[in-house]
Amino acid sequence: MRIAAVLGAVVLALHPFITHAADEPPIGRVKRVTGTVLLDRAGKTLPVTPGMPLQTGDRIRTGADGLVGVTLADDTLLSAGKGSRLLINEFRFDTRTHEGGMLATLSQGSLHVVTGLIAKKAPEKVNFRTPSTVLGVRGTDFIVEVPAGAAEAAL
């Protein structure tokens, strides 16, 4: 009984230091927003604002008038155009070693990418998926476009 009480006290004392997924550092931040841009996260839809932190699993949707610019933790720059649907599937980055990896899915619209530190160290660990292909990064600056309806056509 005494051991349980001690363990309970330790857990309560450490509670502020125990991190949960929502408490993890952001994988990046929104830098600019024009028009309608929404973010789907954990079953909720939020309006996107400059400075908003991003997490793995976030889905960014731009409206017919929407544009968004994002900077990830490794200094990768992502700019989604009007009518885009972007999911950040995976993102890992070690600020000390610059090791990590990322996978993002563009299901519709356009995405301008300027790669960051992960791609400089290991370009094979940076990938972008569309409804019909997976793109491995071999350059540092490129554009991906997926026309509306392409996801349905690829199925």
N, C-alpha and C. Protein backbone atom coordinates (compact mmCIF):
# COMPACT_ATOMS: atom_id res chain seq x y z
N MET A 1 0.82 -1.18 0.00
CA MET A 1 0.00 0.00 0.00
C MET A 1 0.87 1.25 0.00
N ARG A 2 1.93 1.20 0.79
CA ARG A 2 2.81 2.36 0.89
C ARG A 2 3.51 2.65 -0.45
N ILE A 3 3.92 1.61 -1.19
CA ILE A 3 4.57 1.77 -2.48
C ILE A 3 3.61 2.46 -3.46
N ALA A 4 2.36 2.06 -3.44
CA ALA A 4 1.37 2.68 -4.33
C ALA A 4 1.21 4.16 -4.01
N ALA A 5 1.23 4.52 -2.75
CA ALA A 5 1.10 5.93 -2.35
C ALA A 5 2.30 6.74 -2.82
N VAL A 6 3.49 6.14 -2.68
CA VAL A 6 4.70 6.82 -3.12
C VAL A 6 4.68 7.00 -4.64
N LEU A 7 4.33 5.94 -5.36
CA LEU A 7 4.25 6.04 -6.82
C LEU A 7 3.22 7.06 -7.26
N GLY A 8 2.09 7.09 -6.56
CA GLY A 8 1.06 8.08 -6.88
C GLY A 8 1.58 9.50 -6.68
N ALA A 9 2.31 9.72 -5.60
CA ALA A 9 2.87 11.05 -5.33
C ALA A 9 3.90 11.43 -6.38
N VAL A 10 4.71 10.47 -6.82
CA VAL A 10 5.71 10.74 -7.87
C VAL A 10 5.03 11.11 -9.18
N VAL A 11 4.01 10.36 -9.56
CA VAL A 11 3.28 10.65 -10.80
C VAL A 11 2.66 12.04 -10.73
N LEU A 12 2.04 12.39 -9.62
CA LEU A 12 1.45 13.73 -9.47
C LEU A 12 2.51 14.82 -9.54
N ALA A 13 3.67 14.57 -8.93
CA ALA A 13 4.74 15.57 -8.95
C ALA A 13 5.31 15.75 -10.35
N LEU A 14 5.36 14.67 -11.12
CA LEU A 14 5.93 14.74 -12.47
C LEU A 14 4.91 15.11 -13.53
N HIS A 15 3.64 15.14 -13.20
CA HIS A 15 2.59 15.39 -14.19
C HIS A 15 2.86 16.60 -15.09
N PRO A 16 3.30 17.73 -14.57
CA PRO A 16 3.56 18.87 -15.46
C PRO A 16 4.66 18.61 -16.47
N PHE A 17 5.53 17.62 -16.20
CA PHE A 17 6.65 17.35 -17.09
C PHE A 17 6.38 16.22 -18.07
N ILE A 18 5.29 15.50 -17.87
CA ILE A 18 4.93 14.41 -18.78
C ILE A 18 4.33 15.03 -20.03
N THR A 19 4.91 14.70 -21.18
CA THR A 19 4.41 15.29 -22.43
C THR A 19 3.43 14.36 -23.11
N HIS A 20 2.46 14.97 -23.70
CA HIS A 20 1.47 14.26 -24.50
C HIS A 20 1.65 14.72 -25.93
N ALA A 21 1.05 14.01 -26.89
CA ALA A 21 1.21 14.35 -28.30
C ALA A 21 0.88 15.81 -28.57
N ALA A 22 -0.17 16.32 -27.93
CA ALA A 22 -0.57 17.71 -28.17
C ALA A 22 0.43 18.69 -27.59
N ASP A 23 1.25 18.24 -26.64
CA ASP A 23 2.23 19.12 -26.01
C ASP A 23 3.58 19.09 -26.70
N GLU A 24 3.75 18.25 -27.71
CA GLU A 24 5.02 18.15 -28.41
C GLU A 24 5.28 19.44 -29.17
N PRO A 25 6.55 19.74 -29.40
CA PRO A 25 6.86 20.96 -30.15
C PRO A 25 6.23 20.89 -31.54
N PRO A 26 5.84 22.02 -32.08
CA PRO A 26 5.24 22.02 -33.41
C PRO A 26 6.25 21.59 -34.46
N ILE A 27 5.77 21.00 -35.55
CA ILE A 27 6.64 20.60 -36.65
C ILE A 27 6.90 21.77 -37.59
N GLY A 28 6.16 22.83 -37.41
CA GLY A 28 6.32 24.02 -38.23
C GLY A 28 5.28 25.06 -37.86
N ARG A 29 5.27 26.15 -38.62
CA ARG A 29 4.32 27.24 -38.36
C ARG A 29 3.82 27.81 -39.67
N VAL A 30 2.60 28.30 -39.62
CA VAL A 30 2.02 29.02 -40.75
C VAL A 30 2.67 30.40 -40.78
N LYS A 31 3.16 30.79 -41.94
CA LYS A 31 3.82 32.10 -42.06
C LYS A 31 2.91 33.14 -42.70
N ARG A 32 2.12 32.72 -43.70
CA ARG A 32 1.23 33.69 -44.33
C ARG A 32 -0.05 33.00 -44.78
N VAL A 33 -1.12 33.78 -44.79
CA VAL A 33 -2.44 33.29 -45.18
C VAL A 33 -3.12 34.37 -46.00
N THR A 34 -3.72 33.97 -47.11
CA THR A 34 -4.54 34.85 -47.92
C THR A 34 -5.85 34.13 -48.20
N GLY A 35 -6.97 34.80 -48.02
CA GLY A 35 -8.27 34.20 -48.31
C GLY A 35 -8.65 33.12 -47.31
N THR A 36 -9.44 32.16 -47.77
CA THR A 36 -9.95 31.09 -46.90
C THR A 36 -8.97 29.93 -46.84
N VAL A 37 -8.49 29.64 -45.62
CA VAL A 37 -7.61 28.49 -45.39
C VAL A 37 -8.06 27.84 -44.09
N LEU A 38 -8.31 26.54 -44.14
CA LEU A 38 -8.78 25.79 -42.97
C LEU A 38 -7.81 24.66 -42.65
N LEU A 39 -7.81 24.27 -41.38
CA LEU A 39 -6.97 23.18 -40.92
C LEU A 39 -7.84 22.15 -40.22
N ASP A 40 -7.74 20.91 -40.64
CA ASP A 40 -8.44 19.81 -39.98
C ASP A 40 -7.45 19.11 -39.07
N ARG A 41 -7.80 19.04 -37.76
CA ARG A 41 -6.91 18.42 -36.77
C ARG A 41 -7.77 17.72 -35.73
N ALA A 42 -7.54 16.43 -35.56
CA ALA A 42 -8.20 15.65 -34.51
C ALA A 42 -9.72 15.83 -34.53
N GLY A 43 -10.31 15.80 -35.71
CA GLY A 43 -11.76 15.89 -35.82
C GLY A 43 -12.32 17.30 -35.75
N LYS A 44 -11.47 18.31 -35.65
CA LYS A 44 -11.93 19.69 -35.59
C LYS A 44 -11.42 20.45 -36.81
N THR A 45 -12.20 21.44 -37.23
CA THR A 45 -11.79 22.32 -38.32
C THR A 45 -11.54 23.70 -37.74
N LEU A 46 -10.36 24.23 -38.02
CA LEU A 46 -9.94 25.52 -37.46
C LEU A 46 -9.58 26.47 -38.59
N PRO A 47 -9.87 27.76 -38.45
CA PRO A 47 -9.38 28.73 -39.42
C PRO A 47 -7.87 28.90 -39.23
N VAL A 48 -7.14 28.97 -40.33
CA VAL A 48 -5.69 29.09 -40.25
C VAL A 48 -5.31 30.56 -40.13
N THR A 49 -4.38 30.82 -39.22
CA THR A 49 -3.90 32.19 -39.00
C THR A 49 -2.37 32.18 -39.01
N PRO A 50 -1.75 33.30 -39.38
CA PRO A 50 -0.29 33.37 -39.33
C PRO A 50 0.20 33.09 -37.91
N GLY A 51 1.29 32.33 -37.81
CA GLY A 51 1.85 31.97 -36.52
C GLY A 51 1.31 30.68 -35.94
N MET A 52 0.25 30.14 -36.53
CA MET A 52 -0.38 28.91 -36.02
C MET A 52 0.62 27.75 -36.09
N PRO A 53 0.78 27.01 -34.98
CA PRO A 53 1.68 25.85 -35.00
C PRO A 53 1.04 24.68 -35.75
N LEU A 54 1.88 23.88 -36.37
CA LEU A 54 1.42 22.71 -37.12
C LEU A 54 1.90 21.43 -36.44
N GLN A 55 1.11 20.37 -36.61
CA GLN A 55 1.43 19.06 -36.05
C GLN A 55 1.35 18.02 -37.15
N THR A 56 2.05 16.92 -36.94
CA THR A 56 1.94 15.79 -37.85
C THR A 56 0.47 15.37 -37.89
N GLY A 57 -0.03 15.07 -39.07
CA GLY A 57 -1.42 14.67 -39.24
C GLY A 57 -2.35 15.81 -39.60
N ASP A 58 -1.85 17.04 -39.58
CA ASP A 58 -2.69 18.19 -39.95
C ASP A 58 -3.01 18.15 -41.44
N ARG A 59 -4.26 18.51 -41.75
CA ARG A 59 -4.74 18.63 -43.13
C ARG A 59 -5.04 20.10 -43.39
N ILE A 60 -4.38 20.67 -44.38
CA ILE A 60 -4.59 22.07 -44.74
C ILE A 60 -5.42 22.12 -46.01
N ARG A 61 -6.50 22.93 -45.97
CA ARG A 61 -7.38 23.09 -47.13
C ARG A 61 -7.48 24.57 -47.48
N THR A 62 -7.15 24.90 -48.72
CA THR A 62 -7.30 26.28 -49.17
C THR A 62 -8.56 26.40 -50.01
N GLY A 63 -9.27 27.52 -49.85
CA GLY A 63 -10.47 27.77 -50.62
C GLY A 63 -10.13 28.28 -52.01
N ALA A 64 -11.15 28.61 -52.78
CA ALA A 64 -10.97 29.11 -54.14
C ALA A 64 -10.17 30.42 -54.15
N ASP A 65 -10.17 31.12 -53.02
CA ASP A 65 -9.42 32.38 -52.89
C ASP A 65 -8.23 32.23 -51.94
N GLY A 66 -7.92 31.00 -51.52
CA GLY A 66 -6.94 30.79 -50.45
C GLY A 66 -5.54 30.47 -50.91
N LEU A 67 -4.58 30.98 -50.18
CA LEU A 67 -3.16 30.68 -50.34
C LEU A 67 -2.57 30.57 -48.94
N VAL A 68 -1.60 29.67 -48.76
CA VAL A 68 -0.97 29.54 -47.45
C VAL A 68 0.51 29.23 -47.62
N GLY A 69 1.32 29.84 -46.75
CA GLY A 69 2.75 29.58 -46.72
C GLY A 69 3.13 29.03 -45.35
N VAL A 70 3.90 27.95 -45.35
CA VAL A 70 4.27 27.24 -44.14
C VAL A 70 5.79 27.07 -44.10
N THR A 71 6.38 27.22 -42.92
CA THR A 71 7.79 26.89 -42.72
C THR A 71 7.86 25.75 -41.71
N LEU A 72 8.48 24.64 -42.12
CA LEU A 72 8.64 23.49 -41.23
C LEU A 72 9.90 23.66 -40.39
N ALA A 73 10.05 22.84 -39.37
CA ALA A 73 11.15 22.98 -38.40
C ALA A 73 12.53 22.85 -39.03
N ASP A 74 12.64 22.18 -40.17
CA ASP A 74 13.95 22.04 -40.84
C ASP A 74 14.16 23.12 -41.90
N ASP A 75 13.31 24.14 -41.89
CA ASP A 75 13.34 25.26 -42.84
C ASP A 75 12.81 24.91 -44.23
N THR A 76 12.10 23.80 -44.36
CA THR A 76 11.40 23.51 -45.60
C THR A 76 10.26 24.52 -45.73
N LEU A 77 10.09 25.07 -46.93
CA LEU A 77 9.02 26.02 -47.20
C LEU A 77 7.98 25.36 -48.09
N LEU A 78 6.71 25.40 -47.68
CA LEU A 78 5.60 24.85 -48.45
C LEU A 78 4.62 25.99 -48.72
N SER A 79 4.26 26.17 -49.98
CA SER A 79 3.27 27.18 -50.35
C SER A 79 2.18 26.49 -51.15
N ALA A 80 0.98 26.41 -50.57
CA ALA A 80 -0.16 25.76 -51.24
C ALA A 80 -1.01 26.82 -51.92
N GLY A 81 -1.39 26.53 -53.16
CA GLY A 81 -2.20 27.46 -53.94
C GLY A 81 -3.69 27.28 -53.71
N LYS A 82 -4.47 27.99 -54.51
CA LYS A 82 -5.93 27.97 -54.41
C LYS A 82 -6.48 26.56 -54.63
N GLY A 83 -7.49 26.20 -53.83
CA GLY A 83 -8.15 24.91 -53.98
C GLY A 83 -7.27 23.71 -53.68
N SER A 84 -6.32 23.84 -52.77
CA SER A 84 -5.39 22.75 -52.46
C SER A 84 -5.82 21.97 -51.23
N ARG A 85 -5.40 20.71 -51.21
CA ARG A 85 -5.63 19.81 -50.07
C ARG A 85 -4.29 19.16 -49.75
N LEU A 86 -3.71 19.51 -48.59
CA LEU A 86 -2.38 19.03 -48.21
C LEU A 86 -2.45 18.38 -46.84
N LEU A 87 -1.92 17.16 -46.75
CA LEU A 87 -1.83 16.42 -45.50
C LEU A 87 -0.36 16.24 -45.16
N ILE A 88 0.03 16.57 -43.95
CA ILE A 88 1.39 16.32 -43.49
C ILE A 88 1.36 14.98 -42.76
N ASN A 89 1.66 13.92 -43.51
CA ASN A 89 1.56 12.56 -42.98
C ASN A 89 2.58 12.29 -41.89
N GLU A 90 3.84 12.62 -42.17
CA GLU A 90 4.94 12.33 -41.25
C GLU A 90 5.93 13.48 -41.27
N PHE A 91 6.50 13.77 -40.13
CA PHE A 91 7.59 14.74 -40.06
C PHE A 91 8.39 14.48 -38.80
N ARG A 92 9.67 14.20 -38.98
CA ARG A 92 10.61 14.01 -37.87
C ARG A 92 11.86 14.82 -38.19
N PHE A 93 12.38 15.52 -37.20
CA PHE A 93 13.59 16.32 -37.43
C PHE A 93 14.36 16.49 -36.14
N ASP A 94 15.63 16.14 -36.16
CA ASP A 94 16.52 16.31 -35.02
C ASP A 94 17.33 17.58 -35.28
N THR A 95 17.13 18.59 -34.45
CA THR A 95 17.78 19.88 -34.66
C THR A 95 19.30 19.82 -34.50
N ARG A 96 19.79 18.82 -33.79
CA ARG A 96 21.24 18.70 -33.59
C ARG A 96 21.93 18.02 -34.76
N THR A 97 21.33 16.93 -35.26
CA THR A 97 21.99 16.15 -36.31
C THR A 97 21.44 16.45 -37.71
N HIS A 98 20.31 17.12 -37.77
CA HIS A 98 19.59 17.42 -39.02
C HIS A 98 19.07 16.15 -39.69
N GLU A 99 18.98 15.07 -38.94
CA GLU A 99 18.41 13.84 -39.46
C GLU A 99 16.91 13.87 -39.27
N GLY A 100 16.20 13.16 -40.13
CA GLY A 100 14.75 13.08 -40.02
C GLY A 100 14.15 12.56 -41.30
N GLY A 101 12.89 12.86 -41.48
CA GLY A 101 12.19 12.43 -42.68
C GLY A 101 10.83 13.08 -42.72
N MET A 102 10.27 13.12 -43.93
CA MET A 102 8.93 13.68 -44.06
C MET A 102 8.20 13.06 -45.22
N LEU A 103 6.88 13.00 -45.08
CA LEU A 103 5.98 12.58 -46.13
C LEU A 103 4.77 13.49 -46.08
N ALA A 104 4.43 14.08 -47.20
CA ALA A 104 3.24 14.92 -47.30
C ALA A 104 2.44 14.46 -48.51
N THR A 105 1.12 14.57 -48.42
CA THR A 105 0.24 14.16 -49.52
C THR A 105 -0.51 15.38 -50.04
N LEU A 106 -0.38 15.63 -51.33
CA LEU A 106 -1.16 16.66 -52.02
C LEU A 106 -2.22 15.94 -52.83
N SER A 107 -3.47 16.02 -52.39
CA SER A 107 -4.54 15.31 -53.09
C SER A 107 -5.22 16.19 -54.14
N GLN A 108 -5.00 17.50 -54.05
CA GLN A 108 -5.60 18.43 -55.02
C GLN A 108 -4.88 19.76 -54.91
N GLY A 109 -4.78 20.47 -56.04
CA GLY A 109 -4.23 21.81 -56.03
C GLY A 109 -2.76 21.86 -56.40
N SER A 110 -2.09 22.89 -55.91
CA SER A 110 -0.68 23.08 -56.24
C SER A 110 0.13 23.33 -54.97
N LEU A 111 1.38 22.92 -55.04
CA LEU A 111 2.27 23.06 -53.90
C LEU A 111 3.66 23.41 -54.41
N HIS A 112 4.16 24.55 -53.96
CA HIS A 112 5.54 24.95 -54.25
C HIS A 112 6.37 24.55 -53.05
N VAL A 113 7.48 23.86 -53.30
CA VAL A 113 8.33 23.34 -52.22
C VAL A 113 9.75 23.86 -52.39
N VAL A 114 10.30 24.37 -51.31
CA VAL A 114 11.73 24.67 -51.23
C VAL A 114 12.24 23.83 -50.07
N THR A 115 13.06 22.83 -50.38
CA THR A 115 13.46 21.88 -49.36
C THR A 115 14.38 22.50 -48.33
N GLY A 116 14.40 21.86 -47.15
CA GLY A 116 15.19 22.34 -46.03
C GLY A 116 16.33 21.41 -45.67
N LEU A 117 16.65 21.36 -44.40
CA LEU A 117 17.84 20.65 -43.91
C LEU A 117 17.75 19.14 -44.04
N ILE A 118 16.55 18.56 -43.89
CA ILE A 118 16.43 17.10 -44.04
C ILE A 118 16.85 16.69 -45.44
N ALA A 119 16.35 17.38 -46.45
CA ALA A 119 16.66 17.03 -47.85
C ALA A 119 18.13 17.27 -48.17
N LYS A 120 18.74 18.25 -47.53
CA LYS A 120 20.17 18.48 -47.77
C LYS A 120 21.01 17.32 -47.26
N LYS A 121 20.59 16.76 -46.12
CA LYS A 121 21.34 15.66 -45.52
C LYS A 121 20.98 14.32 -46.15
N ALA A 122 19.69 14.08 -46.39
CA ALA A 122 19.23 12.78 -46.89
C ALA A 122 17.99 12.99 -47.77
N PRO A 123 18.18 13.39 -49.04
CA PRO A 123 17.03 13.69 -49.90
C PRO A 123 16.06 12.51 -50.07
N GLU A 124 16.54 11.30 -49.93
CA GLU A 124 15.67 10.13 -50.08
C GLU A 124 14.65 10.01 -48.96
N LYS A 125 14.81 10.79 -47.89
CA LYS A 125 13.88 10.74 -46.76
C LYS A 125 12.78 11.78 -46.85
N VAL A 126 12.73 12.52 -47.96
CA VAL A 126 11.70 13.54 -48.16
C VAL A 126 10.86 13.12 -49.36
N ASN A 127 9.56 12.88 -49.11
CA ASN A 127 8.68 12.38 -50.17
C ASN A 127 7.35 13.13 -50.16
N PHE A 128 6.80 13.27 -51.36
CA PHE A 128 5.50 13.88 -51.55
C PHE A 128 4.65 12.91 -52.35
N ARG A 129 3.43 12.67 -51.87
CA ARG A 129 2.52 11.72 -52.50
C ARG A 129 1.39 12.51 -53.17
N THR A 130 0.97 12.03 -54.34
CA THR A 130 -0.21 12.55 -55.03
C THR A 130 -1.11 11.35 -55.29
N PRO A 131 -2.32 11.56 -55.84
CA PRO A 131 -3.19 10.41 -56.09
C PRO A 131 -2.60 9.37 -57.04
N SER A 132 -1.63 9.76 -57.85
CA SER A 132 -1.11 8.81 -58.83
C SER A 132 0.37 8.48 -58.69
N THR A 133 1.09 9.12 -57.77
CA THR A 133 2.53 8.86 -57.67
C THR A 133 3.09 9.29 -56.32
N VAL A 134 4.29 8.82 -56.03
CA VAL A 134 5.06 9.30 -54.88
C VAL A 134 6.32 9.94 -55.45
N LEU A 135 6.56 11.19 -55.09
CA LEU A 135 7.72 11.91 -55.59
C LEU A 135 8.83 11.89 -54.55
N GLY A 136 9.99 11.42 -54.97
CA GLY A 136 11.16 11.51 -54.10
C GLY A 136 11.90 12.79 -54.46
N VAL A 137 12.39 13.47 -53.46
CA VAL A 137 13.05 14.75 -53.69
C VAL A 137 14.48 14.53 -54.18
N ARG A 138 14.81 15.16 -55.27
CA ARG A 138 16.18 15.15 -55.79
C ARG A 138 16.66 16.56 -56.08
N GLY A 139 15.74 17.51 -56.00
CA GLY A 139 16.10 18.91 -56.21
C GLY A 139 15.78 19.70 -54.97
N THR A 140 15.92 21.00 -55.06
CA THR A 140 15.69 21.81 -53.87
C THR A 140 14.49 22.73 -54.01
N ASP A 141 13.97 22.90 -55.21
CA ASP A 141 12.88 23.85 -55.45
C ASP A 141 12.02 23.29 -56.57
N PHE A 142 10.76 22.96 -56.27
CA PHE A 142 9.90 22.39 -57.30
C PHE A 142 8.44 22.67 -57.00
N ILE A 143 7.59 22.43 -58.00
CA ILE A 143 6.15 22.62 -57.89
C ILE A 143 5.46 21.31 -58.24
N VAL A 144 4.45 20.96 -57.45
CA VAL A 144 3.62 19.78 -57.69
C VAL A 144 2.21 20.28 -57.95
N GLU A 145 1.55 19.77 -58.99
CA GLU A 145 0.16 20.16 -59.26
C GLU A 145 -0.70 18.92 -59.43
N VAL A 146 -1.88 18.95 -58.81
CA VAL A 146 -2.85 17.88 -58.91
C VAL A 146 -4.19 18.53 -59.25
N PRO A 147 -4.70 18.28 -60.47
CA PRO A 147 -5.98 18.90 -60.84
C PRO A 147 -7.15 18.37 -60.01
N ALA A 148 -8.16 19.20 -59.83
CA ALA A 148 -9.38 18.78 -59.12
C ALA A 148 -9.93 17.54 -59.81
N GLY A 149 -10.36 16.57 -59.02
CA GLY A 149 -10.93 15.34 -59.56
C GLY A 149 -9.89 14.28 -59.84
N ALA A 150 -8.60 14.59 -59.71
CA ALA A 150 -7.56 13.62 -60.00
C ALA A 150 -7.58 12.46 -59.01
N ALA A 151 -7.95 12.73 -57.76
CA ALA A 151 -7.99 11.67 -56.76
C ALA A 151 -9.03 10.62 -57.14
N GLU A 152 -10.20 11.07 -57.60
CA GLU A 152 -11.23 10.13 -58.00
C GLU A 152 -10.82 9.35 -59.25
N ALA A 153 -10.15 10.03 -60.19
CA ALA A 153 -9.72 9.38 -61.44
C ALA A 153 -8.65 8.33 -61.18
N ALA A 154 -7.84 8.53 -60.12
CA ALA A 154 -6.76 7.60 -59.82
C ALA A 154 -7.25 6.33 -59.15
N LEU A 155 -8.45 6.35 -58.59
CA LEU A 155 -8.96 5.19 -57.86
C LEU A 155 -9.44 4.09 -58.76
